[in-house]
PDB file of N, CA and C in Angstrom:
ATOM      1  N   MET A   1       0.931  -1.261   0.040  1.00  0.00           N
ATOM      2  CA  MET A   1       0.418  -0.054   0.115  1.00  0.00           C
ATOM      3  C   MET A   1       0.776   1.192  -0.296  1.00  0.00           C
ATOM      4  N   GLN A   2       2.069   1.186   0.864  1.00  0.00           N
ATOM      5  CA  GLN A   2       2.941   2.409   0.555  1.00  0.00           C
ATOM      6  C   GLN A   2       3.383   2.812  -0.903  1.00  0.00           C
ATOM      7  N   ASP A   3       3.467   1.574  -1.335  1.00  0.00           N
ATOM      8  CA  ASP A   3       3.901   1.787  -3.006  1.00  0.00           C
ATOM      9  C   ASP A   3       2.991   2.625  -3.686  1.00  0.00           C
ATOM     10  N   LEU A   4       1.727   2.284  -3.716  1.00  0.00           N
ATOM     11  CA  LEU A   4       0.716   2.992  -4.175  1.00  0.00           C
ATOM     12  C   LEU A   4       0.837   4.748  -3.690  1.00  0.00           C
ATOM     13  N   GLY A   5       1.188   4.863  -2.559  1.00  0.00           N
ATOM     14  CA  GLY A   5       1.036   5.786  -1.990  1.00  0.00           C
ATOM     15  C   GLY A   5       2.193   7.118  -2.596  1.00  0.00           C
ATOM     16  N   LYS A   6       3.102   6.177  -2.893  1.00  0.00           N
ATOM     17  CA  LYS A   6       4.430   6.973  -3.357  1.00  0.00           C
ATOM     18  C   LYS A   6       3.931   7.129  -4.817  1.00  0.00           C
ATOM     19  N   LEU A   7       3.759   6.103  -5.865  1.00  0.00           N
ATOM     20  CA  LEU A   7       3.418   6.584  -7.175  1.00  0.00           C
ATOM     21  C   LEU A   7       2.359   7.799  -7.093  1.00  0.00           C
ATOM     22  N   LEU A   8       1.225   7.619  -6.332  1.00  0.00           N
ATOM     23  CA  LEU A   8       0.394   8.282  -6.470  1.00  0.00           C
ATOM     24  C   LEU A   8       0.959   9.890  -6.029  1.00  0.00           C
ATOM     25  N   PHE A   9       1.683   9.984  -5.280  1.00  0.00           N
ATOM     26  CA  PHE A   9       2.422  11.440  -4.768  1.00  0.00           C
ATOM     27  C   PHE A   9       3.235  11.762  -5.991  1.00  0.00           C
ATOM     28  N   ILE A  10       4.062  10.826  -6.590  1.00  0.00           N
ATOM     29  CA  ILE A  10       4.812  11.559  -7.969  1.00  0.00           C
ATOM     30  C   ILE A  10       3.948  11.746  -9.210  1.00  0.00           C
ATOM     31  N   VAL A  11       3.200  11.150  -9.179  1.00  0.00           N
ATOM     32  CA  VAL A  11       1.967  11.260 -10.218  1.00  0.00           C
ATOM     33  C   VAL A  11       1.727  12.972 -10.023  1.00  0.00           C
ATOM     34  N   GLY A  12       1.134  13.134  -9.161  1.00  0.00           N
ATOM     35  CA  GLY A  12       0.467  14.230  -8.034  1.00  0.00           C
ATOM     36  C   GLY A  12       1.521  15.552  -8.578  1.00  0.00           C
ATOM     37  N   LEU A  13       2.891  15.168  -7.982  1.00  0.00           N
ATOM     38  CA  LEU A  13       3.821  16.357  -8.138  1.00  0.00           C
ATOM     39  C   LEU A  13       4.063  16.343  -9.572  1.00  0.00           C
ATOM     40  N   VAL A  14       4.189  15.452 -10.595  1.00  0.00           N
ATOM     41  CA  VAL A  14       4.786  15.690 -12.214  1.00  0.00           C
ATOM     42  C   VAL A  14       3.589  16.815 -12.171  1.00  0.00           C
ATOM     43  N   LEU A  15       2.319  15.928 -12.459  1.00  0.00           N
ATOM     44  CA  LEU A  15       1.157  17.091 -13.177  1.00  0.00           C
ATOM     45  C   LEU A  15       1.082  18.615 -12.316  1.00  0.00           C
ATOM     46  N   ALA A  16       1.690  18.600 -11.207  1.00  0.00           N
ATOM     47  CA  ALA A  16       1.434  20.073 -10.666  1.00  0.00           C
ATOM     48  C   ALA A  16       2.500  20.802 -11.083  1.00  0.00           C
ATOM     49  N   VAL A  17       3.720  20.232 -11.422  1.00  0.00           N
ATOM     50  CA  VAL A  17       4.749  21.168 -12.056  1.00  0.00           C
ATOM     51  C   VAL A  17       4.215  21.186 -13.754  1.00  0.00           C
ATOM     52  N   ALA A  18       3.838  20.088 -14.228  1.00  0.00           N
ATOM     53  CA  ALA A  18       3.182  20.332 -15.921  1.00  0.00           C
ATOM     54  C   ALA A  18       2.208  21.408 -15.980  1.00  0.00           C
ATOM     55  N   GLY A  19       1.457  21.354 -14.711  1.00  0.00           N
ATOM     56  CA  GLY A  19       0.522  22.194 -15.159  1.00  0.00           C
ATOM     57  C   GLY A  19       0.767  23.881 -14.648  1.00  0.00           C
ATOM     58  N   ALA A  20       1.704  24.261 -13.908  1.00  0.00           N
ATOM     59  CA  ALA A  20       2.215  25.458 -13.482  1.00  0.00           C
ATOM     60  C   ALA A  20       2.955  25.817 -14.761  1.00  0.00           C
ATOM     61  N   TRP A  21       3.793  24.844 -15.404  1.00  0.00           N
ATOM     62  CA  TRP A  21       4.756  25.329 -16.270  1.00  0.00           C
ATOM     63  C   TRP A  21       3.990  25.601 -17.308  1.00  0.00           C
ATOM     64  N   LEU A  22       2.731  24.802 -17.915  1.00  0.00           N
ATOM     65  CA  LEU A  22       1.868  25.316 -19.008  1.00  0.00           C
ATOM     66  C   LEU A  22       1.166  26.352 -18.865  1.00  0.00           C
ATOM     67  N   TRP A  23       0.773  26.678 -17.382  1.00  0.00           N
ATOM     68  CA  TRP A  23      -0.056  27.952 -17.103  1.00  0.00           C
ATOM     69  C   TRP A  23       0.748  29.061 -17.154  1.00  0.00           C
ATOM     70  N   SER A  24       2.289  28.688 -16.982  1.00  0.00           N
ATOM     71  CA  SER A  24       3.018  30.336 -16.928  1.00  0.00           C
ATOM     72  C   SER A  24       3.117  30.486 -18.522  1.00  0.00           C
ATOM     73  N   GLY A  25       3.032  29.639 -19.428  1.00  0.00           N
ATOM     74  CA  GLY A  25       2.699  30.196 -20.981  1.00  0.00           C
ATOM     75  C   GLY A  25       4.134  29.920 -21.707  1.00  0.00           C
ATOM     76  N   ARG A  26       4.899  29.001 -21.220  1.00  0.00           N
ATOM     77  CA  ARG A  26       5.966  28.316 -21.655  1.00  0.00           C
ATOM     78  C   ARG A  26       5.518  26.735 -22.255  1.00  0.00           C
ATOM     79  N   SER A  27       4.743  26.891 -23.222  1.00  0.00           N
ATOM     80  CA  SER A  27       4.262  25.365 -23.734  1.00  0.00           C
ATOM     81  C   SER A  27       5.052  24.960 -24.662  1.00  0.00           C
ATOM     82  N   PHE A  28       4.956  23.591 -25.190  1.00  0.00           N
ATOM     83  CA  PHE A  28       5.350  23.056 -26.332  1.00  0.00           C
ATOM     84  C   PHE A  28       4.492  23.787 -27.620  1.00  0.00           C
ATOM     85  N   GLY A  29       5.660  24.765 -28.354  1.00  0.00           N
ATOM     86  CA  GLY A  29       5.018  25.341 -29.392  1.00  0.00           C
ATOM     87  C   GLY A  29       4.648  24.277 -30.325  1.00  0.00           C
ATOM     88  N   TRP A  30       4.872  23.254 -30.520  1.00  0.00           N
ATOM     89  CA  TRP A  30       5.133  22.445 -31.778  1.00  0.00           C
ATOM     90  C   TRP A  30       4.134  21.162 -31.700  1.00  0.00           C
ATOM     91  N   LEU A  31       3.580  21.102 -30.031  1.00  0.00           N
ATOM     92  CA  LEU A  31       2.821  20.316 -29.458  1.00  0.00           C
ATOM     93  C   LEU A  31       1.282  20.788 -30.343  1.00  0.00           C
ATOM     94  N   GLY A  32       0.554  19.872 -30.905  1.00  0.00           N
ATOM     95  CA  GLY A  32      -0.387  20.340 -31.398  1.00  0.00           C
ATOM     96  C   GLY A  32      -0.568  20.672 -32.849  1.00  0.00           C
ATOM     97  N   ARG A  33       0.478  20.650 -33.459  1.00  0.00           N
ATOM     98  CA  ARG A  33       0.783  21.317 -34.899  1.00  0.00           C
ATOM     99  C   ARG A  33       1.520  20.177 -35.315  1.00  0.00           C
ATOM    100  N   LEU A  34       1.414  19.062 -34.994  1.00  0.00           N
ATOM    101  CA  LEU A  34       2.381  17.885 -35.808  1.00  0.00           C
ATOM    102  C   LEU A  34       1.405  17.435 -36.983  1.00  0.00           C
ATOM    103  N   PRO A  35       2.833  17.035 -37.900  1.00  0.00           N
ATOM    104  CA  PRO A  35       2.048  16.266 -39.220  1.00  0.00           C
ATOM    105  C   PRO A  35       1.385  15.381 -38.986  1.00  0.00           C
ATOM    106  N   GLY A  36       0.015  15.326 -39.219  1.00  0.00           N
ATOM    107  CA  GLY A  36      -1.067  14.109 -38.896  1.00  0.00           C
ATOM    108  C   GLY A  36      -2.320  14.678 -38.404  1.00  0.00           C
ATOM    109  N   ASP A  37      -2.067  15.878 -37.562  1.00  0.00           N
ATOM    110  CA  ASP A  37      -3.032  16.508 -37.022  1.00  0.00           C
ATOM    111  C   ASP A  37      -4.014  17.216 -37.758  1.00  0.00           C
ATOM    112  N   ILE A  38      -4.882  17.058 -37.623  1.00  0.00           N
ATOM    113  CA  ILE A  38      -6.092  16.967 -38.306  1.00  0.00           C
ATOM    114  C   ILE A  38      -6.727  18.514 -38.344  1.00  0.00           C
ATOM    115  N   ALA A  39      -6.799  19.194 -39.568  1.00  0.00           N
ATOM    116  CA  ALA A  39      -7.676  20.467 -39.081  1.00  0.00           C
ATOM    117  C   ALA A  39      -8.273  21.117 -40.423  1.00  0.00           C
ATOM    118  N   TYR A  40      -9.714  21.204 -40.419  1.00  0.00           N
ATOM    119  CA  TYR A  40     -10.762  21.713 -41.337  1.00  0.00           C
ATOM    120  C   TYR A  40     -11.057  22.861 -40.887  1.00  0.00           C
ATOM    121  N   GLN A  41     -11.255  23.680 -41.903  1.00  0.00           N
ATOM    122  CA  GLN A  41     -12.125  25.010 -41.936  1.00  0.00           C
ATOM    123  C   GLN A  41     -12.816  25.190 -43.186  1.00  0.00           C
ATOM    124  N   LYS A  42     -13.835  25.927 -43.007  1.00  0.00           N
ATOM    125  CA  LYS A  42     -14.590  26.110 -44.378  1.00  0.00           C
ATOM    126  C   LYS A  42     -15.759  27.247 -43.698  1.00  0.00           C
ATOM    127  N   GLY A  43     -15.604  28.341 -44.095  1.00  0.00           N
ATOM    128  CA  GLY A  43     -16.695  29.480 -43.196  1.00  0.00           C
ATOM    129  C   GLY A  43     -16.393  29.820 -41.899  1.00  0.00           C
ATOM    130  N   ASP A  44     -17.487  29.830 -41.448  1.00  0.00           N
ATOM    131  CA  ASP A  44     -17.806  29.598 -40.253  1.00  0.00           C
ATOM    132  C   ASP A  44     -17.263  28.785 -39.268  1.00  0.00           C
ATOM    133  N   PHE A  45     -17.182  27.473 -39.756  1.00  0.00           N
ATOM    134  CA  PHE A  45     -17.134  25.915 -39.304  1.00  0.00           C
ATOM    135  C   PHE A  45     -15.476  25.982 -39.103  1.00  0.00           C
ATOM    136  N   SER A  46     -15.014  25.277 -38.139  1.00  0.00           N
ATOM    137  CA  SER A  46     -13.416  24.875 -38.179  1.00  0.00           C
ATOM    138  C   SER A  46     -13.608  23.513 -37.146  1.00  0.00           C
ATOM    139  N   PHE A  47     -12.725  22.682 -37.310  1.00  0.00           N
ATOM    140  CA  PHE A  47     -12.684  21.409 -36.886  1.00  0.00           C
ATOM    141  C   PHE A  47     -11.385  21.346 -36.619  1.00  0.00           C
ATOM    142  N   TYR A  48     -10.815  20.854 -35.581  1.00  0.00           N
ATOM    143  CA  TYR A  48      -9.307  20.538 -35.339  1.00  0.00           C
ATOM    144  C   TYR A  48      -9.298  19.077 -34.316  1.00  0.00           C
ATOM    145  N   PHE A  49      -8.558  17.941 -34.764  1.00  0.00           N
ATOM    146  CA  PHE A  49      -8.260  17.126 -33.893  1.00  0.00           C
ATOM    147  C   PHE A  49      -6.803  16.520 -33.878  1.00  0.00           C
ATOM    148  N   PRO A  50      -5.950  16.775 -33.041  1.00  0.00           N
ATOM    149  CA  PRO A  50      -4.679  16.497 -32.959  1.00  0.00           C
ATOM    150  C   PRO A  50      -4.434  14.770 -32.694  1.00  0.00           C
ATOM    151  N   ALA A  51      -4.416  14.095 -33.900  1.00  0.00           N
ATOM    152  CA  ALA A  51      -4.471  12.781 -34.024  1.00  0.00           C
ATOM    153  C   ALA A  51      -2.911  12.436 -33.364  1.00  0.00           C
ATOM    154  N   THR A  52      -2.111  13.113 -34.188  1.00  0.00           N
ATOM    155  CA  THR A  52      -0.612  12.839 -33.864  1.00  0.00           C
ATOM    156  C   THR A  52      -0.233  13.133 -32.653  1.00  0.00           C
ATOM    157  N   THR A  53      -0.580  14.164 -31.964  1.00  0.00           N
ATOM    158  CA  THR A  53      -0.400  14.365 -30.594  1.00  0.00           C
ATOM    159  C   THR A  53      -0.727  13.705 -29.831  1.00  0.00           C
ATOM    160  N   CYS A  54      -2.071  13.090 -29.922  1.00  0.00           N
ATOM    161  CA  CYS A  54      -2.380  12.015 -28.961  1.00  0.00           C
ATOM    162  C   CYS A  54      -1.990  10.666 -29.126  1.00  0.00           C
ATOM    163  N   ILE A  55      -1.548  10.259 -30.265  1.00  0.00           N
ATOM    164  CA  ILE A  55      -0.793   9.017 -30.401  1.00  0.00           C
ATOM    165  C   ILE A  55       0.654   9.393 -29.414  1.00  0.00           C
ATOM    166  N   LEU A  56       1.165  10.457 -29.601  1.00  0.00           N
ATOM    167  CA  LEU A  56       2.627  10.520 -29.007  1.00  0.00           C
ATOM    168  C   LEU A  56       2.272  10.936 -27.391  1.00  0.00           C
ATOM    169  N   ILE A  57       1.425  11.168 -27.047  1.00  0.00           N
ATOM    170  CA  ILE A  57       1.324  11.655 -25.670  1.00  0.00           C
ATOM    171  C   ILE A  57       0.668  10.068 -24.978  1.00  0.00           C
ATOM    172  N   SER A  58      -0.020   9.542 -25.785  1.00  0.00           N
ATOM    173  CA  SER A  58      -0.311   8.219 -25.160  1.00  0.00           C
ATOM    174  C   SER A  58       1.026   7.236 -25.235  1.00  0.00           C
ATOM    175  N   VAL A  59       1.834   7.616 -26.141  1.00  0.00           N
ATOM    176  CA  VAL A  59       3.204   6.465 -26.224  1.00  0.00           C
ATOM    177  C   VAL A  59       4.168   6.857 -25.281  1.00  0.00           C
ATOM    178  N   VAL A  60       3.950   8.349 -24.632  1.00  0.00           N
ATOM    179  CA  VAL A  60       4.832   8.747 -23.793  1.00  0.00           C
ATOM    180  C   VAL A  60       4.261   8.363 -22.197  1.00  0.00           C
ATOM    181  N   LEU A  61       3.181   8.417 -22.105  1.00  0.00           N
ATOM    182  CA  LEU A  61       2.519   7.813 -20.786  1.00  0.00           C
ATOM    183  C   LEU A  61       2.245   6.308 -20.735  1.00  0.00           C
ATOM    184  N   THR A  62       2.415   5.426 -22.039  1.00  0.00           N
ATOM    185  CA  THR A  62       2.618   4.322 -21.583  1.00  0.00           C
ATOM    186  C   THR A  62       3.786   3.814 -21.185  1.00  0.00           C
ATOM    187  N   LEU A  63       4.769   4.525 -22.016  1.00  0.00           N
ATOM    188  CA  LEU A  63       6.417   4.330 -21.627  1.00  0.00           C
ATOM    189  C   LEU A  63       6.635   4.503 -20.191  1.00  0.00           C
ATOM    190  N   MET A  64       6.149   5.660 -19.782  1.00  0.00           N
ATOM    191  CA  MET A  64       6.395   6.148 -18.066  1.00  0.00           C
ATOM    192  C   MET A  64       5.782   5.133 -17.413  1.00  0.00           C
ATOM    193  N   ALA A  65       4.600   4.686 -17.543  1.00  0.00           N
ATOM    194  CA  ALA A  65       3.628   3.534 -16.864  1.00  0.00           C
ATOM    195  C   ALA A  65       4.410   2.527 -16.861  1.00  0.00           C
ATOM    196  N   LEU A  66       5.299   2.005 -17.701  1.00  0.00           N
ATOM    197  CA  LEU A  66       5.644   0.707 -18.035  1.00  0.00           C
ATOM    198  C   LEU A  66       6.946   0.642 -16.864  1.00  0.00           C
ATOM    199  N   PHE A  67       7.714   1.924 -17.028  1.00  0.00           N
ATOM    200  CA  PHE A  67       9.249   2.310 -16.451  1.00  0.00           C
ATOM    201  C   PHE A  67       8.686   2.585 -14.816  1.00  0.00           C
ATOM    202  N   LEU A  68       7.827   3.007 -14.439  1.00  0.00           N
ATOM    203  CA  LEU A  68       7.079   2.873 -12.975  1.00  0.00           C
ATOM    204  C   LEU A  68       6.662   1.851 -12.644  1.00  0.00           C
ATOM    205  N   ARG A  69       6.268   0.967 -13.009  1.00  0.00           N
ATOM    206  CA  ARG A  69       5.565  -0.336 -12.698  1.00  0.00           C
ATOM    207  C   ARG A  69       6.703  -1.380 -12.216  1.00  0.00           C
ATOM    208  N   ARG A  70       7.967  -1.059 -12.746  1.00  0.00           N
ATOM    209  CA  ARG A  70       9.237  -1.872 -12.600  1.00  0.00           C
ATOM    210  C   ARG A  70       9.724  -1.627 -10.938  1.00  0.00           C
TER     211      ARG A  70
END
């Protein structure tokens, strides 16, 4: 049970630091504008889906989970 507590503390700390960093305006300028992200605009309608960005974030989070599990 202590391992779970440590994991939750580390995840919370990482999220807090990442949130503060993004809130300060120093974000990744290229994140969300990768090749493969879908953007459609016609008239007053615009649609944006960051497909490649979602895949990249999923891979990074999966690798982090695998390393933290060991």
